[in-house]
Amino acid sequence: MPTVQPTATAVIVRELTQAIAGHRLQPGTKLAEQRLADHFGVSRTIVRQALHQLAQNRLVTLEPARGAFVAAPTVEEARQVFAVRRMLEAEMTRGFAREATPARIKALRDHVAREKAAVDAQDTAEGIALLGDFHVRMAELMGNEVLAQILRDLISRSSLITLMYQRAGAARHSQEEHVEIVRALAARDAAKAVKLMQDHLDHVEASLAFDRPPPTHDIAQALAAA
């Protein structure tokens, strides 16, 4: 079967999403169409299509006469995102525990090892990306691509939220909690795994300092780091 090449629009959406989720593009950053067109070597029409898709994913806001900006989630939106994650991920964790296999557990253990390496190296962008991907990886290992895609969208929005509001030191705590969740899943202890996941999401939300002003970032530097 021939490999299907992504469209220019899809490439822009993917790279901007990765830059946002990886904390290289920060909330409030203006996404100038011409600068993006020059960077990707495409027309402004293609850039505009990508920005509209990102707006549908709630990662970008489009403001009349002002242009596109990386979304800056409100406190209420942040709370709603975590409420939805708690509902989805409790059932996902319960299902994973029922269907746990040595191969799936090994894959999760490999993932949390990579998380620890990034956190130990103080690689903030890589650490945050891997910590978010842990939740998506669980859905992928279960073979539930619909759930995985929903979680990808939620995790991208969570990355914006943590960038804006999370206190220092929370990443290491999250990584340690992932280790405990995997341990409970390996033991097929569904009740404990669900409780650990719920506590984990509660702790992440509790680590958010909602009085923190949003940071800013330069788009050229963010995309150059990709």
Protein backbone atom coordinates (compact mmCIF):
# COMPACT_ATOMS: atom_id res chain seq x y z
CA MET A 1 0.00 0.00 0.00
CA PRO A 2 1.41 3.46 -0.87
CA THR A 3 2.06 5.82 2.01
CA VAL A 4 -0.52 8.61 2.22
CA GLN A 5 1.27 11.94 2.57
CA PRO A 6 -0.33 14.47 4.93
CA THR A 7 -1.71 17.62 3.34
CA ALA A 8 -0.01 20.96 3.96
CA THR A 9 -2.91 21.92 6.21
CA ALA A 10 -2.50 18.72 8.25
CA VAL A 11 1.23 19.35 8.62
CA ILE A 12 0.64 22.85 9.96
CA VAL A 13 -2.07 21.63 12.36
CA ARG A 14 0.21 18.85 13.62
CA GLU A 15 3.27 21.06 14.13
CA LEU A 16 1.36 23.86 15.82
CA THR A 17 -0.44 21.36 18.05
CA GLN A 18 2.90 19.81 19.04
CA ALA A 19 4.37 23.25 19.70
CA ILE A 20 1.40 24.15 21.91
CA ALA A 21 1.31 20.82 23.76
CA GLY A 22 5.10 20.92 24.17
CA HIS A 23 4.91 24.41 25.70
CA ARG A 24 6.94 26.00 22.92
CA LEU A 25 3.96 28.12 21.86
CA GLN A 26 2.38 29.70 24.87
CA PRO A 27 -1.14 30.98 25.60
CA GLY A 28 -1.83 34.38 24.10
CA THR A 29 0.82 34.09 21.36
CA LYS A 30 -0.34 35.81 18.15
CA LEU A 31 -0.25 33.45 15.17
CA ALA A 32 0.43 35.83 12.28
CA GLU A 33 -0.74 34.31 9.00
CA GLN A 34 2.08 35.70 6.87
CA ARG A 35 4.80 34.57 9.27
CA LEU A 36 3.32 31.08 9.33
CA ALA A 37 2.98 31.06 5.55
CA ASP A 38 6.65 32.03 5.20
CA HIS A 39 7.74 29.43 7.75
CA PHE A 40 5.86 26.55 6.11
CA GLY A 41 6.30 27.74 2.53
CA VAL A 42 2.57 27.78 1.78
CA SER A 43 -0.13 30.32 0.96
CA ARG A 44 -2.00 32.27 3.60
CA THR A 45 -5.14 30.41 2.47
CA ILE A 46 -3.60 27.10 3.62
CA VAL A 47 -2.52 28.70 6.91
CA ARG A 48 -6.03 30.05 7.41
CA GLN A 49 -7.51 26.57 6.92
CA ALA A 50 -5.14 25.17 9.54
CA LEU A 51 -5.97 27.93 12.01
CA HIS A 52 -9.70 27.31 11.58
CA GLN A 53 -9.15 23.62 12.31
CA LEU A 54 -7.14 24.46 15.42
CA ALA A 55 -9.92 26.81 16.48
CA GLN A 56 -12.41 23.94 16.19
CA ASN A 57 -10.09 21.95 18.48
CA ARG A 58 -10.17 24.87 20.97
CA LEU A 59 -6.40 25.34 20.78
CA VAL A 60 -6.63 28.66 18.92
CA THR A 61 -9.00 31.59 19.21
CA LEU A 62 -9.91 33.68 16.15
CA GLU A 63 -10.66 37.32 16.90
CA PRO A 64 -12.24 39.60 14.26
CA ALA A 65 -9.84 42.30 13.00
CA ARG A 66 -7.09 41.00 15.31
CA GLY A 67 -6.26 37.53 14.00
CA ALA A 68 -5.45 34.18 15.57
CA PHE A 69 -4.01 33.57 19.03
CA VAL A 70 -3.02 30.50 21.01
CA ALA A 71 -5.98 29.91 23.33
CA ALA A 72 -5.74 31.02 26.93
CA PRO A 73 -8.18 28.80 28.87
CA THR A 74 -10.21 30.42 31.60
CA VAL A 75 -10.32 29.04 35.12
CA GLU A 76 -13.84 27.70 34.51
CA GLU A 77 -12.77 25.98 31.28
CA ALA A 78 -9.81 24.45 33.11
CA ARG A 79 -12.12 22.99 35.74
CA GLN A 80 -14.46 21.63 33.06
CA VAL A 81 -11.58 19.95 31.18
CA PHE A 82 -10.49 18.12 34.32
CA ALA A 83 -14.08 17.16 35.14
CA VAL A 84 -14.42 15.51 31.72
CA ARG A 85 -11.03 13.81 32.06
CA ARG A 86 -12.02 12.33 35.43
CA MET A 87 -15.17 10.83 33.93
CA LEU A 88 -13.44 9.37 30.89
CA GLU A 89 -10.24 8.19 32.50
CA ALA A 90 -11.86 6.43 35.45
CA GLU A 91 -13.66 4.07 33.05
CA MET A 92 -10.60 3.77 30.82
CA THR A 93 -8.49 2.74 33.80
CA ARG A 94 -11.08 0.20 34.92
CA GLY A 95 -11.18 -1.31 31.43
CA PHE A 96 -7.39 -1.36 31.12
CA ALA A 97 -7.06 -3.24 34.41
CA ARG A 98 -9.53 -5.88 33.19
CA GLU A 99 -7.67 -6.33 29.92
CA ALA A 100 -4.09 -5.89 31.16
CA THR A 101 -1.48 -8.02 29.41
CA PRO A 102 2.28 -8.30 30.03
CA ALA A 103 2.95 -6.50 26.72
CA ARG A 104 0.67 -3.59 27.60
CA ILE A 105 2.17 -3.25 31.07
CA LYS A 106 5.68 -3.31 29.62
CA ALA A 107 4.73 -0.56 27.18
CA LEU A 108 3.46 1.62 30.04
CA ARG A 109 6.54 0.90 32.14
CA ASP A 110 8.77 1.89 29.23
CA HIS A 111 6.78 5.10 28.91
CA VAL A 112 7.06 6.07 32.58
CA ALA A 113 10.80 5.37 32.41
CA ARG A 114 11.05 7.93 29.61
CA GLU A 115 8.99 10.34 31.73
CA LYS A 116 11.40 9.95 34.63
CA ALA A 117 14.42 10.53 32.41
CA ALA A 118 12.91 13.76 31.08
CA VAL A 119 11.90 14.99 34.54
CA ASP A 120 15.33 14.13 35.98
CA ALA A 121 16.97 16.01 33.10
CA GLN A 122 14.68 18.98 33.82
CA ASP A 123 13.53 18.88 30.20
CA THR A 124 10.25 20.67 30.80
CA ALA A 125 8.83 20.44 27.29
CA GLU A 126 9.63 16.73 26.86
CA GLY A 127 8.48 15.92 30.37
CA ILE A 128 5.12 17.64 29.99
CA ALA A 129 4.57 16.01 26.59
CA LEU A 130 5.34 12.52 27.93
CA LEU A 131 3.23 13.01 31.07
CA GLY A 132 0.25 13.89 28.89
CA ASP A 133 0.95 11.10 26.42
CA PHE A 134 0.77 8.53 29.24
CA HIS A 135 -3.02 8.89 29.30
CA VAL A 136 -3.32 8.71 25.52
CA ARG A 137 -1.00 5.69 25.47
CA MET A 138 -3.36 3.77 27.74
CA ALA A 139 -6.20 4.25 25.26
CA GLU A 140 -3.96 3.32 22.33
CA LEU A 141 -2.82 0.12 24.03
CA MET A 142 -6.47 -0.82 24.56
CA GLY A 143 -7.02 -0.42 20.83
CA ASN A 144 -9.61 2.32 21.33
CA GLU A 145 -8.63 4.95 18.76
CA VAL A 146 -11.80 7.00 19.33
CA LEU A 147 -10.96 7.39 23.02
CA ALA A 148 -7.31 8.04 22.18
CA GLN A 149 -8.27 10.90 19.85
CA ILE A 150 -10.64 12.43 22.41
CA LEU A 151 -7.88 12.27 25.00
CA ARG A 152 -5.34 13.78 22.57
CA ASP A 153 -7.60 16.81 22.25
CA LEU A 154 -8.18 17.02 26.00
CA ILE A 155 -4.48 16.59 26.77
CA SER A 156 -3.57 19.38 24.34
CA ARG A 157 -6.01 21.65 26.16
CA SER A 158 -4.65 20.43 29.50
CA SER A 159 -1.13 21.33 28.34
CA LEU A 160 -2.26 24.92 27.82
CA ILE A 161 -3.84 24.90 31.24
CA THR A 162 -0.76 23.53 32.99
CA LEU A 163 1.49 25.98 31.15
CA MET A 164 -0.61 28.89 32.35
CA TYR A 165 -1.32 27.78 35.88
CA GLN A 166 0.77 24.85 37.18
CA ARG A 167 3.06 25.34 40.15
CA ALA A 168 6.69 24.21 40.16
CA GLY A 169 7.40 20.62 41.17
CA ALA A 170 4.09 19.21 39.96
CA ALA A 171 5.65 17.31 37.05
CA ARG A 172 7.78 15.08 39.30
CA HIS A 173 4.78 14.32 41.50
CA SER A 174 2.73 13.38 38.43
CA GLN A 175 5.46 11.05 37.19
CA GLU A 176 5.61 9.25 40.52
CA GLU A 177 1.83 8.83 40.50
CA HIS A 178 2.00 7.30 37.03
CA VAL A 179 4.39 4.68 38.42
CA GLU A 180 1.86 3.77 41.12
CA ILE A 181 -0.98 3.57 38.59
CA VAL A 182 1.02 1.17 36.42
CA ARG A 183 1.83 -0.95 39.47
CA ALA A 184 -1.90 -1.28 40.28
CA LEU A 185 -2.72 -2.08 36.65
CA ALA A 186 -0.03 -4.78 36.59
CA ALA A 187 -1.68 -6.33 39.65
CA ARG A 188 -5.07 -6.12 37.87
CA ASP A 189 -6.38 -4.24 40.88
CA ALA A 190 -9.02 -2.20 39.08
CA ALA A 191 -10.43 -0.49 42.17
CA LYS A 192 -7.01 0.70 43.31
CA ALA A 193 -5.97 1.78 39.82
CA VAL A 194 -9.15 3.84 39.37
CA LYS A 195 -8.70 5.46 42.79
CA LEU A 196 -5.08 6.29 41.96
CA MET A 197 -6.08 7.80 38.61
CA GLN A 198 -8.82 9.90 40.19
CA ASP A 199 -6.44 11.08 42.92
CA HIS A 200 -3.81 11.85 40.27
CA LEU A 201 -6.15 14.07 38.27
CA ASP A 202 -7.33 15.73 41.49
CA HIS A 203 -3.71 16.46 42.42
CA VAL A 204 -2.91 17.91 38.98
CA GLU A 205 -5.90 20.22 39.20
CA ALA A 206 -5.02 21.16 42.78
CA SER A 207 -1.51 22.13 41.61
CA LEU A 208 -2.90 24.88 39.40
CA ALA A 209 -2.35 28.43 40.62
CA PHE A 210 -5.27 30.23 39.01
CA ASP A 211 -4.02 33.70 40.01
CA ARG A 212 -0.91 33.36 37.80
CA PRO A 213 -0.72 35.78 34.82
CA PRO A 214 -0.41 34.04 31.43
CA PRO A 215 3.08 33.91 29.87
CA THR A 216 4.00 35.07 26.39
CA HIS A 217 6.27 33.57 23.74
CA ASP A 218 7.66 34.33 20.28
CA ILE A 219 6.25 32.20 17.45
CA ALA A 220 9.48 32.10 15.38
CA GLN A 221 11.47 30.77 18.34
CA ALA A 222 8.75 28.25 19.21
CA LEU A 223 8.58 26.73 15.74
CA ALA A 224 12.35 26.79 15.30
CA ALA A 225 12.60 24.54 18.37
CA ALA A 226 10.32 21.91 16.83
